[in-house]
């Protein structure tokens, strides 16, 4: 599980197993105990090279939501980023902070 926060959204990415990830998002003004504003299942994980950078991709209709985790980047790179596309056109790009992160190995130990 990972929780990201942008200036507008709070996003939780859950590993549902079998290469299936779920995206749940709330307005940053809402609590995570509230019903999410958006839930997308059947997301995919992508490794971006060998340096640890990776992203998750979620599709709903003609919208694509990408959550990027930047392990190796430029000096002032954000730790994460949310990019939303509509019909392949980027309509939103926001830097994000990583609020919480559990690795797969930690989940497997519990």
PDB file of N, CA and C in Angstrom:
ATOM      1  N   UNK A   1       0.841  -1.176   0.000  1.00  0.00           N
ATOM      2  CA  UNK A   1       0.000   0.000   0.000  1.00  0.00           C
ATOM      3  C   UNK A   1       0.885   1.239   0.000  1.00  0.00           C
ATOM      4  N   UNK A   2       0.441   2.248  -0.721  1.00  0.00           N
ATOM      5  CA  UNK A   2       1.126   3.534  -0.723  1.00  0.00           C
ATOM      6  C   UNK A   2       0.071   4.626  -0.659  1.00  0.00           C
ATOM      7  N   UNK A   3       0.399   5.691   0.049  1.00  0.00           N
ATOM      8  CA  UNK A   3      -0.494   6.845   0.113  1.00  0.00           C
ATOM      9  C   UNK A   3       0.290   8.058  -0.366  1.00  0.00           C
ATOM     10  N   UNK A   4      -0.266   8.728  -1.371  1.00  0.00           N
ATOM     11  CA  UNK A   4       0.334   9.935  -1.928  1.00  0.00           C
ATOM     12  C   UNK A   4      -0.578  11.117  -1.644  1.00  0.00           C
ATOM     13  N   UNK A   5       0.020  12.289  -1.581  1.00  0.00           N
ATOM     14  CA  UNK A   5      -0.784  13.488  -1.390  1.00  0.00           C
ATOM     15  C   UNK A   5      -0.255  14.584  -2.303  1.00  0.00           C
ATOM     16  N   UNK A   6      -1.164  15.132  -3.140  1.00  0.00           N
ATOM     17  CA  UNK A   6      -0.839  16.279  -3.976  1.00  0.00           C
ATOM     18  C   UNK A   6      -1.514  17.493  -3.352  1.00  0.00           C
ATOM     19  N   UNK A   7      -1.456  18.611  -4.027  1.00  0.00           N
ATOM     20  CA  UNK A   7      -2.121  19.806  -3.503  1.00  0.00           C
ATOM     21  C   UNK A   7      -3.640  19.656  -3.521  1.00  0.00           C
ATOM     22  N   UNK A   8      -4.171  18.719  -4.361  1.00  0.00           N
ATOM     23  CA  UNK A   8      -5.619  18.563  -4.498  1.00  0.00           C
ATOM     24  C   UNK A   8      -6.159  17.207  -4.060  1.00  0.00           C
ATOM     25  N   UNK A   9      -5.315  16.160  -4.120  1.00  0.00           N
ATOM     26  CA  UNK A   9      -5.809  14.802  -3.930  1.00  0.00           C
ATOM     27  C   UNK A   9      -4.994  14.018  -2.912  1.00  0.00           C
ATOM     28  N   UNK A  10      -5.667  13.068  -2.270  1.00  0.00           N
ATOM     29  CA  UNK A  10      -5.026  12.051  -1.437  1.00  0.00           C
ATOM     30  C   UNK A  10      -5.320  10.732  -2.138  1.00  0.00           C
ATOM     31  N   UNK A  11      -4.283   9.977  -2.429  1.00  0.00           N
ATOM     32  CA  UNK A  11      -4.409   8.768  -3.248  1.00  0.00           C
ATOM     33  C   UNK A  11      -3.855   7.581  -2.491  1.00  0.00           C
ATOM     34  N   UNK A  12      -4.607   6.483  -2.494  1.00  0.00           N
ATOM     35  CA  UNK A  12      -4.123   5.235  -1.904  1.00  0.00           C
ATOM     36  C   UNK A  12      -4.039   4.198  -3.009  1.00  0.00           C
ATOM     37  N   UNK A  13      -2.901   3.547  -3.103  1.00  0.00           N
ATOM     38  CA  UNK A  13      -2.698   2.456  -4.064  1.00  0.00           C
ATOM     39  C   UNK A  13      -2.565   1.177  -3.264  1.00  0.00           C
ATOM     40  N   UNK A  14      -3.448   0.223  -3.541  1.00  0.00           N
ATOM     41  CA  UNK A  14      -3.444  -1.054  -2.833  1.00  0.00           C
ATOM     42  C   UNK A  14      -3.029  -2.172  -3.779  1.00  0.00           C
ATOM     43  N   UNK A  15      -2.190  -3.071  -3.290  1.00  0.00           N
ATOM     44  CA  UNK A  15      -1.814  -4.275  -4.030  1.00  0.00           C
ATOM     45  C   UNK A  15      -2.844  -5.348  -3.708  1.00  0.00           C
ATOM     46  N   UNK A  16      -3.675  -5.700  -4.686  1.00  0.00           N
ATOM     47  CA  UNK A  16      -4.717  -6.699  -4.488  1.00  0.00           C
ATOM     48  C   UNK A  16      -4.230  -8.107  -4.812  1.00  0.00           C
ATOM     49  N   UNK A  17      -2.964  -8.241  -5.223  1.00  0.00           N
ATOM     50  CA  UNK A  17      -2.412  -9.541  -5.588  1.00  0.00           C
ATOM     51  C   UNK A  17      -2.628  -9.844  -7.057  1.00  0.00           C
ATOM     52  N   UNK A  18      -1.905 -10.802  -7.573  1.00  0.00           N
ATOM     53  CA  UNK A  18      -2.018 -11.230  -8.967  1.00  0.00           C
ATOM     54  C   UNK A  18      -1.847 -10.081  -9.951  1.00  0.00           C
ATOM     55  N   UNK A  19      -0.872  -9.193  -9.688  1.00  0.00           N
ATOM     56  CA  UNK A  19      -0.590  -8.051 -10.572  1.00  0.00           C
ATOM     57  C   UNK A  19      -1.808  -7.148 -10.762  1.00  0.00           C
ATOM     58  N   UNK A  20      -2.590  -6.975  -9.722  1.00  0.00           N
ATOM     59  CA  UNK A  20      -3.791  -6.141  -9.756  1.00  0.00           C
ATOM     60  C   UNK A  20      -3.672  -5.085  -8.662  1.00  0.00           C
ATOM     61  N   UNK A  21      -3.759  -3.817  -9.060  1.00  0.00           N
ATOM     62  CA  UNK A  21      -3.627  -2.709  -8.123  1.00  0.00           C
ATOM     63  C   UNK A  21      -4.886  -1.855  -8.156  1.00  0.00           C
ATOM     64  N   UNK A  22      -5.220  -1.294  -6.993  1.00  0.00           N
ATOM     65  CA  UNK A  22      -6.424  -0.459  -6.892  1.00  0.00           C
ATOM     66  C   UNK A  22      -6.016   0.970  -6.548  1.00  0.00           C
ATOM     67  N   UNK A  23      -6.650   1.918  -7.232  1.00  0.00           N
ATOM     68  CA  UNK A  23      -6.455   3.353  -7.018  1.00  0.00           C
ATOM     69  C   UNK A  23      -7.701   3.871  -6.327  1.00  0.00           C
ATOM     70  N   UNK A  24      -7.530   4.534  -5.211  1.00  0.00           N
ATOM     71  CA  UNK A  24      -8.646   5.191  -4.519  1.00  0.00           C
ATOM     72  C   UNK A  24      -8.192   6.609  -4.226  1.00  0.00           C
ATOM     73  N   UNK A  25      -9.052   7.596  -4.529  1.00  0.00           N
ATOM     74  CA  UNK A  25      -8.651   8.981  -4.267  1.00  0.00           C
ATOM     75  C   UNK A  25      -9.772   9.776  -3.622  1.00  0.00           C
ATOM     76  N   UNK A  26      -9.330  10.734  -2.833  1.00  0.00           N
ATOM     77  CA  UNK A  26     -10.212  11.644  -2.122  1.00  0.00           C
ATOM     78  C   UNK A  26      -9.712  13.065  -2.373  1.00  0.00           C
ATOM     79  N   UNK A  27     -10.588  14.018  -2.272  1.00  0.00           N
ATOM     80  CA  UNK A  27     -10.163  15.410  -2.210  1.00  0.00           C
ATOM     81  C   UNK A  27      -9.288  15.542  -0.971  1.00  0.00           C
ATOM     82  N   UNK A  28      -8.259  16.350  -1.045  1.00  0.00           N
ATOM     83  CA  UNK A  28      -7.350  16.501   0.089  1.00  0.00           C
ATOM     84  C   UNK A  28      -8.090  17.052   1.314  1.00  0.00           C
ATOM     85  N   UNK A  29      -9.257  17.651   1.106  1.00  0.00           N
ATOM     86  CA  UNK A  29     -10.046  18.208   2.213  1.00  0.00           C
ATOM     87  C   UNK A  29     -10.849  17.135   2.954  1.00  0.00           C
ATOM     88  N   UNK A  30     -10.986  15.948   2.339  1.00  0.00           N
ATOM     89  CA  UNK A  30     -11.761  14.866   2.953  1.00  0.00           C
ATOM     90  C   UNK A  30     -10.865  13.945   3.766  1.00  0.00           C
ATOM     91  N   UNK A  31     -11.493  13.153   4.626  1.00  0.00           N
ATOM     92  CA  UNK A  31     -10.779  12.144   5.399  1.00  0.00           C
ATOM     93  C   UNK A  31     -10.776  10.835   4.620  1.00  0.00           C
ATOM     94  N   UNK A  32      -9.761  10.022   4.843  1.00  0.00           N
ATOM     95  CA  UNK A  32      -9.692   8.735   4.159  1.00  0.00           C
ATOM     96  C   UNK A  32     -10.736   7.753   4.693  1.00  0.00           C
ATOM     97  N   UNK A  33     -11.376   8.071   5.801  1.00  0.00           N
ATOM     98  CA  UNK A  33     -12.465   7.240   6.297  1.00  0.00           C
ATOM     99  C   UNK A  33     -13.757   7.528   5.534  1.00  0.00           C
ATOM    100  N   UNK A  34     -13.805   8.650   4.785  1.00  0.00           N
ATOM    101  CA  UNK A  34     -14.947   8.949   3.920  1.00  0.00           C
ATOM    102  C   UNK A  34     -14.902   8.033   2.702  1.00  0.00           C
ATOM    103  N   UNK A  35     -16.021   7.902   2.017  1.00  0.00           N
ATOM    104  CA  UNK A  35     -16.058   7.134   0.772  1.00  0.00           C
ATOM    105  C   UNK A  35     -15.158   7.823  -0.257  1.00  0.00           C
ATOM    106  N   UNK A  36     -14.299   7.068  -0.959  1.00  0.00           N
ATOM    107  CA  UNK A  36     -13.432   7.684  -1.967  1.00  0.00           C
ATOM    108  C   UNK A  36     -14.250   8.351  -3.080  1.00  0.00           C
ATOM    109  N   UNK A  37     -13.693   9.410  -3.641  1.00  0.00           N
ATOM    110  CA  UNK A  37     -14.316  10.080  -4.778  1.00  0.00           C
ATOM    111  C   UNK A  37     -14.176   9.243  -6.048  1.00  0.00           C
ATOM    112  N   UNK A  38     -13.121   8.442  -6.106  1.00  0.00           N
ATOM    113  CA  UNK A  38     -12.852   7.637  -7.298  1.00  0.00           C
ATOM    114  C   UNK A  38     -12.144   6.357  -6.880  1.00  0.00           C
ATOM    115  N   UNK A  39     -12.586   5.233  -7.437  1.00  0.00           N
ATOM    116  CA  UNK A  39     -11.926   3.937  -7.242  1.00  0.00           C
ATOM    117  C   UNK A  39     -11.749   3.303  -8.619  1.00  0.00           C
ATOM    118  N   UNK A  40     -10.528   2.863  -8.895  1.00  0.00           N
ATOM    119  CA  UNK A  40     -10.241   2.167 -10.159  1.00  0.00           C
ATOM    120  C   UNK A  40      -9.463   0.907  -9.818  1.00  0.00           C
ATOM    121  N   UNK A  41      -9.945  -0.224 -10.286  1.00  0.00           N
ATOM    122  CA  UNK A  41      -9.231  -1.485 -10.074  1.00  0.00           C
ATOM    123  C   UNK A  41      -8.558  -1.924 -11.370  1.00  0.00           C
ATOM    124  N   UNK A  42      -7.820  -3.009 -11.287  1.00  0.00           N
ATOM    125  CA  UNK A  42      -7.093  -3.591 -12.417  1.00  0.00           C
ATOM    126  C   UNK A  42      -5.978  -2.683 -12.914  1.00  0.00           C
ATOM    127  N   UNK A  43      -5.342  -1.960 -11.980  1.00  0.00           N
ATOM    128  CA  UNK A  43      -4.184  -1.145 -12.326  1.00  0.00           C
ATOM    129  C   UNK A  43      -2.962  -2.014 -12.552  1.00  0.00           C
ATOM    130  N   UNK A  44      -1.971  -1.447 -13.206  1.00  0.00           N
ATOM    131  CA  UNK A  44      -0.747  -2.180 -13.540  1.00  0.00           C
ATOM    132  C   UNK A  44       0.480  -1.464 -12.980  1.00  0.00           C
ATOM    133  N   UNK A  45       1.504  -2.252 -12.656  1.00  0.00           N
ATOM    134  CA  UNK A  45       2.786  -1.762 -12.166  1.00  0.00           C
ATOM    135  C   UNK A  45       3.779  -1.768 -13.315  1.00  0.00           C
ATOM    136  N   UNK A  46       4.604  -0.708 -13.406  1.00  0.00           N
ATOM    137  CA  UNK A  46       5.641  -0.622 -14.432  1.00  0.00           C
ATOM    138  C   UNK A  46       6.950  -0.191 -13.780  1.00  0.00           C
ATOM    139  N   UNK A  47       8.015  -0.972 -13.985  1.00  0.00           N
ATOM    140  CA  UNK A  47       9.353  -0.581 -13.546  1.00  0.00           C
ATOM    141  C   UNK A  47       9.920   0.332 -14.626  1.00  0.00           C
ATOM    142  N   UNK A  48      10.446   1.470 -14.214  1.00  0.00           N
ATOM    143  CA  UNK A  48      11.015   2.435 -15.162  1.00  0.00           C
ATOM    144  C   UNK A  48      12.532   2.350 -15.099  1.00  0.00           C
ATOM    145  N   UNK A  49      13.096   1.392 -15.794  1.00  0.00           N
ATOM    146  CA  UNK A  49      14.541   1.201 -15.768  1.00  0.00           C
ATOM    147  C   UNK A  49      14.965   0.357 -14.582  1.00  0.00           C
ATOM    148  N   UNK A  50      16.250   0.464 -14.223  1.00  0.00           N
ATOM    149  CA  UNK A  50      16.802  -0.374 -13.157  1.00  0.00           C
ATOM    150  C   UNK A  50      17.145   0.412 -11.895  1.00  0.00           C
ATOM    151  N   UNK A  51      16.858   1.703 -11.853  1.00  0.00           N
ATOM    152  CA  UNK A  51      17.243   2.535 -10.716  1.00  0.00           C
ATOM    153  C   UNK A  51      16.226   2.600  -9.601  1.00  0.00           C
ATOM    154  N   UNK A  52      15.094   1.923  -9.751  1.00  0.00           N
ATOM    155  CA  UNK A  52      14.082   1.931  -8.706  1.00  0.00           C
ATOM    156  C   UNK A  52      12.860   2.775  -9.027  1.00  0.00           C
ATOM    157  N   UNK A  53      12.981   3.679 -10.012  1.00  0.00           N
ATOM    158  CA  UNK A  53      11.800   4.458 -10.397  1.00  0.00           C
ATOM    159  C   UNK A  53      10.742   3.518 -10.948  1.00  0.00           C
ATOM    160  N   UNK A  54       9.486   3.813 -10.636  1.00  0.00           N
ATOM    161  CA  UNK A  54       8.391   2.976 -11.122  1.00  0.00           C
ATOM    162  C   UNK A  54       7.107   3.788 -11.108  1.00  0.00           C
ATOM    163  N   UNK A  55       6.093   3.237 -11.780  1.00  0.00           N
ATOM    164  CA  UNK A  55       4.790   3.898 -11.747  1.00  0.00           C
ATOM    165  C   UNK A  55       3.674   2.873 -11.869  1.00  0.00           C
ATOM    166  N   UNK A  56       2.498   3.322 -11.468  1.00  0.00           N
ATOM    167  CA  UNK A  56       1.280   2.525 -11.568  1.00  0.00           C
ATOM    168  C   UNK A  56       0.368   3.237 -12.547  1.00  0.00           C
ATOM    169  N   UNK A  57      -0.363   2.456 -13.325  1.00  0.00           N
ATOM    170  CA  UNK A  57      -1.256   3.019 -14.339  1.00  0.00           C
ATOM    171  C   UNK A  57      -2.654   2.453 -14.133  1.00  0.00           C
ATOM    172  N   UNK A  58      -3.631   3.349 -14.147  1.00  0.00           N
ATOM    173  CA  UNK A  58      -5.034   2.981 -13.936  1.00  0.00           C
ATOM    174  C   UNK A  58      -5.866   3.619 -15.047  1.00  0.00           C
ATOM    175  N   UNK A  59      -6.787   2.851 -15.626  1.00  0.00           N
ATOM    176  CA  UNK A  59      -7.593   3.348 -16.737  1.00  0.00           C
ATOM    177  C   UNK A  59      -9.068   3.283 -16.379  1.00  0.00           C
ATOM    178  N   UNK A  60      -9.753   4.400 -16.628  1.00  0.00           N
ATOM    179  CA  UNK A  60     -11.208   4.470 -16.441  1.00  0.00           C
ATOM    180  C   UNK A  60     -11.756   5.264 -17.609  1.00  0.00           C
ATOM    181  N   UNK A  61     -12.499   4.572 -18.501  1.00  0.00           N
ATOM    182  CA  UNK A  61     -13.003   5.237 -19.707  1.00  0.00           C
ATOM    183  C   UNK A  61     -11.845   5.734 -20.544  1.00  0.00           C
ATOM    184  N   UNK A  62     -11.895   7.001 -20.960  1.00  0.00           N
ATOM    185  CA  UNK A  62     -10.792   7.541 -21.756  1.00  0.00           C
ATOM    186  C   UNK A  62      -9.801   8.334 -20.893  1.00  0.00           C
ATOM    187  N   UNK A  63      -9.814   8.070 -19.581  1.00  0.00           N
ATOM    188  CA  UNK A  63      -8.869   8.694 -18.663  1.00  0.00           C
ATOM    189  C   UNK A  63      -7.826   7.674 -18.230  1.00  0.00           C
ATOM    190  N   UNK A  64      -6.584   8.119 -18.141  1.00  0.00           N
ATOM    191  CA  UNK A  64      -5.491   7.292 -17.631  1.00  0.00           C
ATOM    192  C   UNK A  64      -4.832   8.053 -16.485  1.00  0.00           C
ATOM    193  N   UNK A  65      -4.727   7.399 -15.343  1.00  0.00           N
ATOM    194  CA  UNK A  65      -4.129   7.975 -14.142  1.00  0.00           C
ATOM    195  C   UNK A  65      -2.795   7.281 -13.920  1.00  0.00           C
ATOM    196  N   UNK A  66      -1.729   8.052 -13.800  1.00  0.00           N
ATOM    197  CA  UNK A  66      -0.409   7.490 -13.548  1.00  0.00           C
ATOM    198  C   UNK A  66       0.134   8.063 -12.241  1.00  0.00           C
ATOM    199  N   UNK A  67       0.611   7.169 -11.383  1.00  0.00           N
ATOM    200  CA  UNK A  67       1.251   7.563 -10.130  1.00  0.00           C
ATOM    201  C   UNK A  67       2.712   7.143 -10.229  1.00  0.00           C
ATOM    202  N   UNK A  68       3.595   8.131 -10.314  1.00  0.00           N
ATOM    203  CA  UNK A  68       5.025   7.884 -10.482  1.00  0.00           C
ATOM    204  C   UNK A  68       5.751   8.024  -9.153  1.00  0.00           C
ATOM    205  N   UNK A  69       6.662   7.084  -8.887  1.00  0.00           N
ATOM    206  CA  UNK A  69       7.518   7.119  -7.711  1.00  0.00           C
ATOM    207  C   UNK A  69       8.938   7.353  -8.207  1.00  0.00           C
ATOM    208  N   UNK A  70       9.546   8.439  -7.762  1.00  0.00           N
ATOM    209  CA  UNK A  70      10.845   8.857  -8.278  1.00  0.00           C
ATOM    210  C   UNK A  70      11.902   8.570  -7.218  1.00  0.00           C
ATOM    211  N   UNK A  71      12.635   7.490  -7.436  1.00  0.00           N
ATOM    212  CA  UNK A  71      13.699   7.085  -6.518  1.00  0.00           C
ATOM    213  C   UNK A  71      14.997   7.781  -6.924  1.00  0.00           C
ATOM    214  N   UNK A  72      15.313   7.715  -8.205  1.00  0.00           N
ATOM    215  CA  UNK A  72      16.484   8.388  -8.761  1.00  0.00           C
ATOM    216  C   UNK A  72      15.991   9.472  -9.703  1.00  0.00           C
ATOM    217  N   UNK A  73      16.337  10.706  -9.401  1.00  0.00           N
ATOM    218  CA  UNK A  73      15.897  11.816 -10.240  1.00  0.00           C
ATOM    219  C   UNK A  73      16.868  12.970 -10.132  1.00  0.00           C
ATOM    220  N   UNK A  74      16.465  14.087 -10.686  1.00  0.00           N
ATOM    221  CA  UNK A  74      17.265  15.296 -10.599  1.00  0.00           C
ATOM    222  C   UNK A  74      17.314  15.763  -9.142  1.00  0.00           C
ATOM    223  N   UNK A  75      18.186  16.701  -8.850  1.00  0.00           N
ATOM    224  CA  UNK A  75      18.391  17.179  -7.483  1.00  0.00           C
ATOM    225  C   UNK A  75      17.079  17.632  -6.825  1.00  0.00           C
ATOM    226  N   UNK A  76      16.237  18.326  -7.543  1.00  0.00           N
ATOM    227  CA  UNK A  76      15.004  18.864  -6.971  1.00  0.00           C
ATOM    228  C   UNK A  76      13.756  18.088  -7.396  1.00  0.00           C
ATOM    229  N   UNK A  77      13.924  16.853  -7.832  1.00  0.00           N
ATOM    230  CA  UNK A  77      12.776  16.041  -8.246  1.00  0.00           C
ATOM    231  C   UNK A  77      11.870  15.761  -7.056  1.00  0.00           C
ATOM    232  N   UNK A  78      10.553  15.766  -7.289  1.00  0.00           N
ATOM    233  CA  UNK A  78       9.645  15.383  -6.202  1.00  0.00           C
ATOM    234  C   UNK A  78       9.748  13.879  -5.965  1.00  0.00           C
ATOM    235  N   UNK A  79       9.354  13.399  -4.779  1.00  0.00           N
ATOM    236  CA  UNK A  79       9.404  11.951  -4.526  1.00  0.00           C
ATOM    237  C   UNK A  79       8.350  11.174  -5.322  1.00  0.00           C
ATOM    238  N   UNK A  80       7.287  11.873  -5.751  1.00  0.00           N
ATOM    239  CA  UNK A  80       6.221  11.207  -6.498  1.00  0.00           C
ATOM    240  C   UNK A  80       5.495  12.246  -7.344  1.00  0.00           C
ATOM    241  N   UNK A  81       4.660  11.730  -8.275  1.00  0.00           N
ATOM    242  CA  UNK A  81       3.940  12.625  -9.175  1.00  0.00           C
ATOM    243  C   UNK A  81       2.664  11.935  -9.644  1.00  0.00           C
ATOM    244  N   UNK A  82       1.596  12.703  -9.769  1.00  0.00           N
ATOM    245  CA  UNK A  82       0.339  12.231 -10.346  1.00  0.00           C
ATOM    246  C   UNK A  82       0.175  12.905 -11.702  1.00  0.00           C
ATOM    247  N   UNK A  83      -0.064  12.095 -12.730  1.00  0.00           N
ATOM    248  CA  UNK A  83      -0.329  12.630 -14.067  1.00  0.00           C
ATOM    249  C   UNK A  83      -1.628  12.000 -14.555  1.00  0.00           C
ATOM    250  N   UNK A  84      -2.537  12.835 -15.040  1.00  0.00           N
ATOM    251  CA  UNK A  84      -3.818  12.354 -15.563  1.00  0.00           C
ATOM    252  C   UNK A  84      -3.915  12.746 -17.031  1.00  0.00           C
ATOM    253  N   UNK A  85      -4.291  11.759 -17.848  1.00  0.00           N
ATOM    254  CA  UNK A  85      -4.460  11.964 -19.283  1.00  0.00           C
ATOM    255  C   UNK A  85      -5.923  11.739 -19.646  1.00  0.00           C
ATOM    256  N   UNK A  86      -6.410  12.521 -20.593  1.00  0.00           N
ATOM    257  CA  UNK A  86      -7.726  12.289 -21.185  1.00  0.00           C
ATOM    258  C   UNK A  86      -7.505  12.140 -22.674  1.00  0.00           C
ATOM    259  N   UNK A  87      -7.847  10.968 -23.208  1.00  0.00           N
ATOM    260  CA  UNK A  87      -7.622  10.672 -24.633  1.00  0.00           C
ATOM    261  C   UNK A  87      -6.187  10.990 -25.036  1.00  0.00           C
ATOM    262  N   UNK A  88      -5.240  10.522 -24.245  1.00  0.00           N
ATOM    263  CA  UNK A  88      -3.802  10.667 -24.477  1.00  0.00           C
ATOM    264  C   UNK A  88      -3.278  12.091 -24.313  1.00  0.00           C
ATOM    265  N   UNK A  89      -4.118  13.054 -23.952  1.00  0.00           N
ATOM    266  CA  UNK A  89      -3.675  14.424 -23.706  1.00  0.00           C
ATOM    267  C   UNK A  89      -3.535  14.627 -22.198  1.00  0.00           C
ATOM    268  N   UNK A  90      -2.360  15.107 -21.778  1.00  0.00           N
ATOM    269  CA  UNK A  90      -2.143  15.357 -20.358  1.00  0.00           C
ATOM    270  C   UNK A  90      -3.029  16.512 -19.903  1.00  0.00           C
ATOM    271  N   UNK A  91      -3.861  16.243 -18.898  1.00  0.00           N
ATOM    272  CA  UNK A  91      -4.760  17.293 -18.402  1.00  0.00           C
ATOM    273  C   UNK A  91      -4.412  17.731 -16.985  1.00  0.00           C
ATOM    274  N   UNK A  92      -3.564  16.955 -16.297  1.00  0.00           N
ATOM    275  CA  UNK A  92      -3.163  17.328 -14.941  1.00  0.00           C
ATOM    276  C   UNK A  92      -1.824  16.691 -14.620  1.00  0.00           C
ATOM    277  N   UNK A  93      -0.957  17.455 -13.997  1.00  0.00           N
ATOM    278  CA  UNK A  93       0.321  16.935 -13.514  1.00  0.00           C
ATOM    279  C   UNK A  93       0.613  17.643 -12.201  1.00  0.00           C
ATOM    280  N   UNK A  94       0.699  16.869 -11.119  1.00  0.00           N
ATOM    281  CA  UNK A  94       0.948  17.454  -9.806  1.00  0.00           C
ATOM    282  C   UNK A  94       2.027  16.660  -9.083  1.00  0.00           C
ATOM    283  N   UNK A  95       2.959  17.385  -8.477  1.00  0.00           N
ATOM    284  CA  UNK A  95       3.943  16.743  -7.621  1.00  0.00           C
ATOM    285  C   UNK A  95       3.225  16.195  -6.401  1.00  0.00           C
ATOM    286  N   UNK A  96       3.768  15.130  -5.854  1.00  0.00           N
ATOM    287  CA  UNK A  96       3.140  14.494  -4.694  1.00  0.00           C
ATOM    288  C   UNK A  96       4.196  14.153  -3.658  1.00  0.00           C
ATOM    289  N   UNK A  97       3.749  14.098  -2.420  1.00  0.00           N
ATOM    290  CA  UNK A  97       4.612  13.578  -1.363  1.00  0.00           C
ATOM    291  C   UNK A  97       4.106  12.190  -1.008  1.00  0.00           C
ATOM    292  N   UNK A  98       5.015  11.351  -0.565  1.00  0.00           N
ATOM    293  CA  UNK A  98       4.655   9.997  -0.147  1.00  0.00           C
ATOM    294  C   UNK A  98       4.359  10.068   1.349  1.00  0.00           C
ATOM    295  N   UNK A  99       3.101   9.854   1.700  1.00  0.00           N
ATOM    296  CA  UNK A  99       2.674   9.942   3.098  1.00  0.00           C
ATOM    297  C   UNK A  99       2.949   8.632   3.824  1.00  0.00           C
ATOM    298  N   UNK A 100       2.739   7.522   3.125  1.00  0.00           N
ATOM    299  CA  UNK A 100       2.929   6.206   3.720  1.00  0.00           C
ATOM    300  C   UNK A 100       3.296   5.233   2.613  1.00  0.00           C
ATOM    301  N   UNK A 101       4.117   4.255   2.973  1.00  0.00           N
ATOM    302  CA  UNK A 101       4.520   3.275   1.968  1.00  0.00           C
ATOM    303  C   UNK A 101       4.865   1.972   2.642  1.00  0.00           C
ATOM    304  N   UNK A 102       4.256   0.883   2.196  1.00  0.00           N
ATOM    305  CA  UNK A 102       4.618  -0.459   2.649  1.00  0.00           C
ATOM    306  C   UNK A 102       5.152  -1.211   1.450  1.00  0.00           C
ATOM    307  N   UNK A 103       6.267  -1.866   1.619  1.00  0.00           N
ATOM    308  CA  UNK A 103       6.792  -2.661   0.526  1.00  0.00           C
ATOM    309  C   UNK A 103       6.110  -4.022   0.523  1.00  0.00           C
ATOM    310  N   UNK A 104       6.200  -4.705  -0.583  1.00  0.00           N
ATOM    311  CA  UNK A 104       5.586  -6.035  -0.690  1.00  0.00           C
ATOM    312  C   UNK A 104       6.137  -6.972   0.371  1.00  0.00           C
ATOM    313  N   UNK A 105       7.445  -6.865   0.665  1.00  0.00           N
ATOM    314  CA  UNK A 105       8.030  -7.776   1.653  1.00  0.00           C
ATOM    315  C   UNK A 105       7.434  -7.530   3.042  1.00  0.00           C
ATOM    316  N   UNK A 106       7.142  -6.272   3.365  1.00  0.00           N
ATOM    317  CA  UNK A 106       6.524  -6.000   4.658  1.00  0.00           C
ATOM    318  C   UNK A 106       5.111  -6.566   4.725  1.00  0.00           C
ATOM    319  N   UNK A 107       4.382  -6.431   3.618  1.00  0.00           N
ATOM    320  CA  UNK A 107       3.013  -6.955   3.571  1.00  0.00           C
ATOM    321  C   UNK A 107       3.030  -8.470   3.720  1.00  0.00           C
ATOM    322  N   UNK A 108       3.986  -9.129   3.097  1.00  0.00           N
ATOM    323  CA  UNK A 108       4.049 -10.574   3.156  1.00  0.00           C
ATOM    324  C   UNK A 108       4.411 -11.067   4.555  1.00  0.00           C
ATOM    325  N   UNK A 109       5.134 -10.259   5.340  1.00  0.00           N
ATOM    326  CA  UNK A 109       5.527 -10.680   6.679  1.00  0.00           C
ATOM    327  C   UNK A 109       4.363 -10.603   7.656  1.00  0.00           C
ATOM    328  N   UNK A 110       3.409  -9.729   7.404  1.00  0.00           N
ATOM    329  CA  UNK A 110       2.289  -9.549   8.327  1.00  0.00           C
ATOM    330  C   UNK A 110       1.272 -10.648   8.218  1.00  0.00           C
TER     331      UNK A 110
END
